[in-house]
């Protein structure tokens, strides 16, 4: 006398369904799916937005967030040093040198390195560099204390 099989868990059912499809029990491919080229590049281009697009969005959001943080700090320090502009300037320059943009600068570095490859930008043979996009370079400047002082001067 054999024992009844225990009921499968949801995970076991999903795995079993995957095994059935791997054995050819699943649905046949449509004619359009059979005719489509199967390449790594096509796989990477499908599904989600391309990585370069995600990275640019992350950089833009990161810069906006940093600008808001810096603006709040600038305003608070300005209010605290309202009576003495020289003290404000010295403290603000010291504060600007203390901002850490390591994570955002890492994204910017990745963008500068990979964007032309991911976008398959053509080369400008005259300059021996990638072509300009809307008249501008694709490269983004790294953020540092000078960038902070340009956005929010100490004067």
N, C-alpha and C. Protein backbone atom coordinates (compact mmCIF):
# COMPACT_ATOMS: atom_id res chain seq x y z
N UNK A 1 0.84 -1.18 0.00
CA UNK A 1 0.00 0.00 0.00
C UNK A 1 0.88 1.24 0.00
N UNK A 2 0.64 2.12 -0.98
CA UNK A 2 1.47 3.32 -1.09
C UNK A 2 0.83 4.47 -0.34
N UNK A 3 1.69 5.34 0.09
CA UNK A 3 1.21 6.52 0.82
C UNK A 3 0.80 7.60 -0.17
N UNK A 4 -0.20 8.41 0.16
CA UNK A 4 -0.60 9.50 -0.74
C UNK A 4 0.51 10.56 -0.78
N UNK A 5 0.70 11.18 -1.96
CA UNK A 5 1.73 12.22 -2.09
C UNK A 5 1.30 13.46 -1.33
N UNK A 6 2.25 14.09 -0.64
CA UNK A 6 1.90 15.32 0.09
C UNK A 6 1.57 16.44 -0.91
N UNK A 7 0.71 17.34 -0.47
CA UNK A 7 0.32 18.46 -1.33
C UNK A 7 1.52 19.37 -1.57
N UNK A 8 1.66 19.84 -2.81
CA UNK A 8 2.79 20.69 -3.15
C UNK A 8 2.60 22.11 -2.62
N UNK A 9 3.72 22.72 -2.26
CA UNK A 9 3.68 24.12 -1.85
C UNK A 9 3.60 24.97 -3.10
N UNK A 10 3.23 26.25 -2.97
CA UNK A 10 3.17 27.12 -4.14
C UNK A 10 4.51 27.19 -4.89
N UNK A 11 5.61 27.23 -4.17
CA UNK A 11 6.93 27.29 -4.82
C UNK A 11 7.19 26.01 -5.60
N UNK A 12 6.81 24.87 -5.04
CA UNK A 12 7.02 23.61 -5.75
C UNK A 12 6.16 23.53 -7.01
N UNK A 13 4.97 24.12 -6.96
CA UNK A 13 4.12 24.12 -8.15
C UNK A 13 4.74 24.96 -9.26
N UNK A 14 5.31 26.12 -8.91
CA UNK A 14 5.95 26.98 -9.90
C UNK A 14 7.16 26.26 -10.51
N UNK A 15 7.95 25.62 -9.67
CA UNK A 15 9.12 24.90 -10.16
C UNK A 15 8.70 23.75 -11.07
N UNK A 16 7.68 23.03 -10.66
CA UNK A 16 7.20 21.91 -11.49
C UNK A 16 6.68 22.41 -12.83
N UNK A 17 5.97 23.54 -12.81
CA UNK A 17 5.46 24.10 -14.05
C UNK A 17 6.63 24.48 -14.97
N UNK A 18 7.71 25.03 -14.41
CA UNK A 18 8.89 25.38 -15.19
C UNK A 18 9.55 24.14 -15.76
N UNK A 19 9.57 23.06 -14.99
CA UNK A 19 10.16 21.82 -15.48
C UNK A 19 9.31 21.24 -16.62
N UNK A 20 7.98 21.33 -16.49
CA UNK A 20 7.10 20.85 -17.56
C UNK A 20 7.37 21.60 -18.86
N UNK A 21 7.51 22.94 -18.76
CA UNK A 21 7.78 23.74 -19.96
C UNK A 21 9.14 23.40 -20.54
N UNK A 22 10.11 23.11 -19.69
CA UNK A 22 11.44 22.77 -20.18
C UNK A 22 11.43 21.44 -20.92
N UNK A 23 10.51 20.58 -20.58
CA UNK A 23 10.42 19.28 -21.25
C UNK A 23 9.58 19.34 -22.52
N UNK A 24 9.14 20.52 -22.90
CA UNK A 24 8.38 20.66 -24.14
C UNK A 24 6.88 20.55 -23.95
N UNK A 25 6.42 20.57 -22.72
CA UNK A 25 5.00 20.44 -22.46
C UNK A 25 4.29 21.79 -22.57
N UNK A 26 5.05 22.91 -22.54
CA UNK A 26 4.46 24.24 -22.59
C UNK A 26 3.89 24.58 -23.95
N UNK A 27 3.43 25.81 -24.10
CA UNK A 27 2.85 26.27 -25.36
C UNK A 27 3.92 26.39 -26.43
N UNK A 28 3.55 26.15 -27.66
CA UNK A 28 4.52 26.36 -28.75
C UNK A 28 4.74 27.86 -28.98
N UNK A 29 5.91 28.22 -29.52
CA UNK A 29 6.22 29.62 -29.81
C UNK A 29 5.39 30.09 -30.99
N UNK A 30 5.01 31.34 -30.95
CA UNK A 30 4.27 31.91 -32.08
C UNK A 30 5.23 32.09 -33.27
N UNK A 31 4.66 32.27 -34.45
CA UNK A 31 5.52 32.42 -35.63
C UNK A 31 6.36 33.69 -35.54
N UNK A 32 5.81 34.77 -34.99
CA UNK A 32 6.61 36.01 -34.86
C UNK A 32 7.74 35.82 -33.86
N UNK A 33 7.49 35.08 -32.78
CA UNK A 33 8.55 34.83 -31.80
C UNK A 33 9.64 33.95 -32.39
N UNK A 34 9.26 33.02 -33.26
CA UNK A 34 10.26 32.16 -33.88
C UNK A 34 11.12 32.92 -34.87
N UNK A 35 10.59 33.96 -35.47
CA UNK A 35 11.33 34.71 -36.48
C UNK A 35 12.19 35.83 -35.90
N UNK A 36 11.97 36.21 -34.66
CA UNK A 36 12.72 37.28 -34.03
C UNK A 36 14.15 36.84 -33.76
N UNK A 37 15.10 37.76 -33.98
CA UNK A 37 16.50 37.45 -33.69
C UNK A 37 16.71 37.33 -32.19
N UNK A 38 17.41 36.33 -31.79
CA UNK A 38 17.72 36.12 -30.38
C UNK A 38 19.19 36.46 -30.16
N UNK A 39 19.44 37.65 -29.60
CA UNK A 39 20.80 38.07 -29.30
C UNK A 39 20.83 38.64 -27.89
N UNK A 40 22.02 38.70 -27.35
CA UNK A 40 22.18 39.30 -26.02
C UNK A 40 21.79 40.77 -26.08
N UNK A 41 22.19 41.45 -27.15
CA UNK A 41 21.86 42.87 -27.28
C UNK A 41 20.35 43.09 -27.29
N UNK A 42 19.62 42.25 -28.05
CA UNK A 42 18.16 42.38 -28.10
C UNK A 42 17.55 42.12 -26.73
N UNK A 43 18.09 41.15 -26.02
CA UNK A 43 17.59 40.84 -24.69
C UNK A 43 17.80 42.03 -23.76
N UNK A 44 18.99 42.63 -23.82
CA UNK A 44 19.29 43.74 -22.93
C UNK A 44 18.47 44.98 -23.28
N UNK A 45 18.12 45.15 -24.54
CA UNK A 45 17.33 46.31 -24.96
C UNK A 45 15.85 46.17 -24.63
N UNK A 46 15.39 44.97 -24.41
CA UNK A 46 13.96 44.76 -24.16
C UNK A 46 13.64 44.89 -22.68
N UNK A 47 12.39 44.94 -22.37
CA UNK A 47 11.96 44.92 -20.98
C UNK A 47 11.99 46.28 -20.34
N UNK A 48 13.05 46.60 -19.66
CA UNK A 48 13.16 47.83 -18.88
C UNK A 48 13.82 48.93 -19.72
N UNK A 49 13.72 50.18 -19.25
CA UNK A 49 14.46 51.24 -19.94
C UNK A 49 15.96 50.91 -19.94
N UNK A 50 16.68 51.38 -20.93
CA UNK A 50 18.11 51.10 -20.96
C UNK A 50 18.82 51.66 -19.74
N UNK A 51 19.93 51.05 -19.40
CA UNK A 51 20.66 51.46 -18.19
C UNK A 51 21.10 52.92 -18.27
N UNK A 52 21.51 53.39 -19.44
CA UNK A 52 21.96 54.77 -19.54
C UNK A 52 20.83 55.72 -19.18
N UNK A 53 19.60 55.36 -19.54
CA UNK A 53 18.44 56.21 -19.25
C UNK A 53 18.15 56.20 -17.74
N UNK A 54 18.23 55.05 -17.13
CA UNK A 54 18.02 54.95 -15.68
C UNK A 54 19.09 55.76 -14.94
N UNK A 55 20.35 55.62 -15.40
CA UNK A 55 21.45 56.30 -14.74
C UNK A 55 21.30 57.82 -14.84
N UNK A 56 20.91 58.32 -16.01
CA UNK A 56 20.72 59.77 -16.16
C UNK A 56 19.62 60.26 -15.23
N UNK A 57 18.54 59.49 -15.12
CA UNK A 57 17.47 59.86 -14.18
C UNK A 57 17.96 59.86 -12.75
N UNK A 58 18.76 58.86 -12.38
CA UNK A 58 19.32 58.81 -11.02
C UNK A 58 20.22 60.01 -10.76
N UNK A 59 21.03 60.37 -11.74
CA UNK A 59 21.93 61.52 -11.59
C UNK A 59 21.12 62.81 -11.43
N UNK A 60 20.14 63.01 -12.30
CA UNK A 60 19.33 64.23 -12.24
C UNK A 60 18.58 64.33 -10.91
N UNK A 61 18.00 63.23 -10.46
CA UNK A 61 17.30 63.24 -9.16
C UNK A 61 18.28 63.49 -8.03
N UNK A 62 19.46 62.88 -8.09
CA UNK A 62 20.47 63.07 -7.06
C UNK A 62 20.94 64.51 -6.97
N UNK A 63 21.14 65.15 -8.12
CA UNK A 63 21.56 66.54 -8.13
C UNK A 63 20.46 67.44 -7.56
N UNK A 64 19.21 67.19 -7.93
CA UNK A 64 18.10 67.98 -7.37
C UNK A 64 18.03 67.82 -5.85
N UNK A 65 18.20 66.58 -5.36
CA UNK A 65 18.16 66.35 -3.91
C UNK A 65 19.31 67.07 -3.21
N UNK A 66 20.50 67.01 -3.79
CA UNK A 66 21.65 67.69 -3.19
C UNK A 66 21.44 69.20 -3.19
N UNK A 67 20.90 69.73 -4.28
CA UNK A 67 20.64 71.18 -4.33
C UNK A 67 19.66 71.60 -3.23
N UNK A 68 18.64 70.79 -3.00
CA UNK A 68 17.68 71.12 -1.93
C UNK A 68 18.36 71.10 -0.56
N UNK A 69 19.18 70.07 -0.32
CA UNK A 69 19.89 69.97 0.97
C UNK A 69 20.83 71.15 1.16
N UNK A 70 21.57 71.48 0.10
CA UNK A 70 22.54 72.58 0.19
C UNK A 70 21.82 73.91 0.38
N UNK A 71 20.70 74.08 -0.31
CA UNK A 71 19.93 75.32 -0.17
C UNK A 71 19.44 75.50 1.27
N UNK A 72 18.94 74.41 1.86
CA UNK A 72 18.48 74.50 3.26
C UNK A 72 19.64 74.86 4.19
N UNK A 73 20.79 74.22 3.99
CA UNK A 73 21.95 74.51 4.84
C UNK A 73 22.43 75.94 4.63
N UNK A 74 22.44 76.40 3.40
CA UNK A 74 22.86 77.77 3.08
C UNK A 74 21.94 78.77 3.76
N UNK A 75 20.65 78.54 3.66
CA UNK A 75 19.67 79.45 4.27
C UNK A 75 19.82 79.46 5.80
N UNK A 76 19.95 78.27 6.39
CA UNK A 76 20.06 78.20 7.86
C UNK A 76 21.33 78.92 8.34
N UNK A 77 22.44 78.70 7.65
CA UNK A 77 23.69 79.36 8.07
C UNK A 77 23.60 80.86 7.84
N UNK A 78 22.96 81.27 6.77
CA UNK A 78 22.79 82.69 6.50
C UNK A 78 21.96 83.35 7.59
N UNK A 79 20.92 82.67 8.04
CA UNK A 79 20.09 83.21 9.14
C UNK A 79 20.89 83.28 10.43
N UNK A 80 21.72 82.27 10.69
CA UNK A 80 22.50 82.25 11.92
C UNK A 80 23.58 83.33 11.93
N UNK A 81 24.11 83.68 10.78
CA UNK A 81 25.20 84.66 10.68
C UNK A 81 24.74 85.96 10.04
N UNK A 82 23.50 86.29 10.21
CA UNK A 82 22.91 87.45 9.53
C UNK A 82 23.69 88.74 9.79
N UNK A 83 24.20 88.91 11.01
CA UNK A 83 24.85 90.17 11.39
C UNK A 83 26.29 90.28 10.88
N UNK A 84 26.92 89.17 10.51
CA UNK A 84 28.34 89.22 10.14
C UNK A 84 28.59 88.46 8.84
N UNK A 85 28.59 89.14 7.69
CA UNK A 85 28.79 88.48 6.40
C UNK A 85 30.15 87.79 6.28
N UNK A 86 31.18 88.33 6.92
CA UNK A 86 32.52 87.71 6.83
C UNK A 86 32.52 86.36 7.53
N UNK A 87 31.86 86.25 8.65
CA UNK A 87 31.77 84.97 9.36
C UNK A 87 30.96 83.98 8.53
N UNK A 88 29.86 84.46 7.93
CA UNK A 88 29.07 83.59 7.09
C UNK A 88 29.90 83.05 5.94
N UNK A 89 30.65 83.92 5.26
CA UNK A 89 31.46 83.49 4.11
C UNK A 89 32.48 82.43 4.53
N UNK A 90 33.16 82.66 5.65
CA UNK A 90 34.17 81.70 6.11
C UNK A 90 33.53 80.36 6.46
N UNK A 91 32.43 80.41 7.21
CA UNK A 91 31.75 79.17 7.60
C UNK A 91 31.16 78.44 6.40
N UNK A 92 30.59 79.20 5.44
CA UNK A 92 29.98 78.56 4.28
C UNK A 92 31.05 77.88 3.41
N UNK A 93 32.19 78.52 3.23
CA UNK A 93 33.27 77.90 2.45
C UNK A 93 33.76 76.63 3.14
N UNK A 94 33.85 76.68 4.46
CA UNK A 94 34.26 75.48 5.20
C UNK A 94 33.20 74.39 5.06
N UNK A 95 31.95 74.77 5.15
CA UNK A 95 30.85 73.81 5.00
C UNK A 95 30.82 73.21 3.60
N UNK A 96 31.08 74.04 2.59
CA UNK A 96 31.08 73.57 1.20
C UNK A 96 32.17 72.52 0.98
N UNK A 97 33.31 72.68 1.62
CA UNK A 97 34.39 71.69 1.49
C UNK A 97 34.02 70.37 2.16
N UNK A 98 33.04 70.40 3.06
CA UNK A 98 32.67 69.19 3.79
C UNK A 98 31.62 68.32 3.11
N UNK A 99 30.98 68.81 2.03
CA UNK A 99 29.96 68.01 1.36
C UNK A 99 30.59 66.80 0.69
N UNK A 100 29.94 65.67 0.84
CA UNK A 100 30.44 64.43 0.24
C UNK A 100 29.48 63.99 -0.87
N UNK A 101 30.01 63.94 -2.07
CA UNK A 101 29.21 63.54 -3.23
C UNK A 101 29.70 62.23 -3.81
N UNK A 102 30.27 61.36 -3.00
CA UNK A 102 30.92 60.14 -3.50
C UNK A 102 29.96 59.25 -4.31
N UNK A 103 28.77 58.98 -3.79
CA UNK A 103 27.84 58.08 -4.48
C UNK A 103 27.36 58.70 -5.80
N UNK A 104 27.04 59.98 -5.77
CA UNK A 104 26.57 60.65 -6.98
C UNK A 104 27.71 60.78 -8.01
N UNK A 105 28.91 61.06 -7.52
CA UNK A 105 30.06 61.15 -8.44
C UNK A 105 30.38 59.79 -9.05
N UNK A 106 30.12 58.71 -8.34
CA UNK A 106 30.32 57.37 -8.91
C UNK A 106 29.36 57.16 -10.08
N UNK A 107 28.12 57.56 -9.92
CA UNK A 107 27.14 57.47 -11.02
C UNK A 107 27.57 58.34 -12.21
N UNK A 108 28.06 59.54 -11.92
CA UNK A 108 28.50 60.43 -12.99
C UNK A 108 29.70 59.83 -13.72
N UNK A 109 30.62 59.23 -12.98
CA UNK A 109 31.78 58.59 -13.60
C UNK A 109 31.34 57.44 -14.49
N UNK A 110 30.40 56.63 -14.00
CA UNK A 110 29.89 55.53 -14.83
C UNK A 110 29.21 56.07 -16.09
N UNK A 111 28.45 57.14 -15.94
CA UNK A 111 27.80 57.76 -17.09
C UNK A 111 28.83 58.21 -18.11
N UNK A 112 29.85 58.94 -17.66
CA UNK A 112 30.86 59.46 -18.57
C UNK A 112 31.61 58.35 -19.29
N UNK A 113 31.77 57.23 -18.60
CA UNK A 113 32.51 56.12 -19.19
C UNK A 113 31.66 55.28 -20.14
N UNK A 114 30.43 55.01 -19.76
CA UNK A 114 29.61 54.04 -20.50
C UNK A 114 28.60 54.63 -21.45
N UNK A 115 28.19 55.87 -21.28
CA UNK A 115 27.12 56.45 -22.10
C UNK A 115 27.40 56.34 -23.60
N UNK A 116 28.58 56.73 -24.07
CA UNK A 116 28.78 56.66 -25.53
C UNK A 116 28.75 55.24 -26.06
N UNK A 117 29.14 54.29 -25.27
CA UNK A 117 29.13 52.89 -25.69
C UNK A 117 27.69 52.36 -25.68
N UNK A 118 26.97 52.65 -24.61
CA UNK A 118 25.59 52.19 -24.51
C UNK A 118 24.69 52.81 -25.57
N UNK A 119 24.96 54.05 -25.93
CA UNK A 119 24.16 54.74 -26.95
C UNK A 119 24.70 54.51 -28.35
N UNK A 120 25.86 53.88 -28.44
CA UNK A 120 26.51 53.61 -29.73
C UNK A 120 26.71 54.91 -30.50
N UNK A 121 27.28 55.91 -29.80
CA UNK A 121 27.51 57.22 -30.42
C UNK A 121 28.59 57.12 -31.48
N UNK A 122 28.40 57.81 -32.59
CA UNK A 122 29.45 57.82 -33.61
C UNK A 122 30.61 58.73 -33.19
N UNK A 123 31.75 58.51 -33.82
CA UNK A 123 32.94 59.31 -33.55
C UNK A 123 32.99 60.48 -34.52
N UNK A 124 33.48 61.61 -34.04
CA UNK A 124 33.77 62.76 -34.89
C UNK A 124 35.23 62.62 -35.30
N UNK A 125 35.48 62.35 -36.56
CA UNK A 125 36.84 62.10 -37.01
C UNK A 125 37.74 63.33 -36.89
N UNK A 126 37.15 64.50 -36.95
CA UNK A 126 37.94 65.72 -36.83
C UNK A 126 38.48 65.89 -35.40
N UNK A 127 37.63 65.68 -34.40
CA UNK A 127 38.05 65.86 -33.01
C UNK A 127 38.53 64.57 -32.36
N UNK A 128 38.27 63.45 -33.01
CA UNK A 128 38.61 62.12 -32.47
C UNK A 128 37.95 61.89 -31.11
N UNK A 129 36.73 62.37 -31.03
CA UNK A 129 35.92 62.18 -29.82
C UNK A 129 34.51 61.85 -30.29
N UNK A 130 33.66 61.46 -29.36
CA UNK A 130 32.28 61.17 -29.71
C UNK A 130 31.57 62.45 -30.11
N UNK A 131 30.55 62.31 -30.94
CA UNK A 131 29.82 63.48 -31.42
C UNK A 131 29.10 64.17 -30.26
N UNK A 132 28.81 65.45 -30.49
CA UNK A 132 28.06 66.23 -29.51
C UNK A 132 26.58 65.85 -29.60
N UNK A 133 25.89 65.97 -28.50
CA UNK A 133 24.46 65.70 -28.46
C UNK A 133 23.77 67.03 -28.22
N UNK A 134 22.97 67.46 -29.20
CA UNK A 134 22.31 68.77 -29.16
C UNK A 134 23.32 69.89 -28.91
N UNK A 135 24.49 69.75 -29.50
CA UNK A 135 25.52 70.78 -29.40
C UNK A 135 26.34 70.74 -28.12
N UNK A 136 26.10 69.77 -27.27
CA UNK A 136 26.82 69.69 -25.99
C UNK A 136 27.47 68.32 -25.84
N UNK A 137 28.51 68.28 -25.03
CA UNK A 137 29.15 67.01 -24.73
C UNK A 137 28.24 66.19 -23.83
N UNK A 138 28.33 64.89 -23.93
CA UNK A 138 27.54 64.01 -23.07
C UNK A 138 28.12 63.94 -21.67
N UNK A 139 29.36 64.37 -21.51
CA UNK A 139 30.06 64.25 -20.22
C UNK A 139 29.43 65.18 -19.18
N UNK A 140 29.42 64.70 -17.96
CA UNK A 140 28.92 65.50 -16.84
C UNK A 140 30.08 65.77 -15.88
N UNK A 141 30.09 66.96 -15.32
CA UNK A 141 31.14 67.32 -14.37
C UNK A 141 30.87 66.69 -13.02
N UNK A 142 31.96 66.31 -12.34
CA UNK A 142 31.84 65.76 -11.00
C UNK A 142 31.49 66.89 -10.03
N UNK A 143 30.78 66.54 -8.98
CA UNK A 143 30.37 67.53 -7.99
C UNK A 143 31.45 67.65 -6.92
N UNK A 144 31.72 68.89 -6.51
CA UNK A 144 32.73 69.13 -5.48
C UNK A 144 32.39 70.45 -4.77
N UNK A 145 33.31 70.91 -3.93
CA UNK A 145 33.04 72.14 -3.16
C UNK A 145 32.93 73.35 -4.08
N UNK A 146 33.68 73.38 -5.16
CA UNK A 146 33.59 74.50 -6.10
C UNK A 146 32.19 74.56 -6.73
N UNK A 147 31.63 73.39 -7.04
CA UNK A 147 30.26 73.34 -7.59
C UNK A 147 29.27 73.90 -6.58
N UNK A 148 29.46 73.54 -5.29
CA UNK A 148 28.56 74.06 -4.23
C UNK A 148 28.63 75.58 -4.19
N UNK A 149 29.87 76.12 -4.24
CA UNK A 149 30.04 77.58 -4.15
C UNK A 149 29.54 78.29 -5.41
N UNK A 150 29.55 77.61 -6.54
CA UNK A 150 28.98 78.20 -7.75
C UNK A 150 27.45 78.29 -7.64
N UNK A 151 26.85 77.26 -7.06
CA UNK A 151 25.39 77.22 -6.92
C UNK A 151 24.91 78.18 -5.85
N UNK A 152 25.66 78.25 -4.74
CA UNK A 152 25.29 79.07 -3.60
C UNK A 152 26.54 79.81 -3.12
N UNK A 153 26.80 80.99 -3.68
CA UNK A 153 28.02 81.72 -3.33
C UNK A 153 28.05 82.14 -1.86
N UNK A 154 29.26 82.37 -1.39
CA UNK A 154 29.45 82.75 0.01
C UNK A 154 29.17 84.23 0.25
N UNK A 155 29.07 85.02 -0.81
CA UNK A 155 28.81 86.47 -0.62
C UNK A 155 27.39 86.71 -0.18
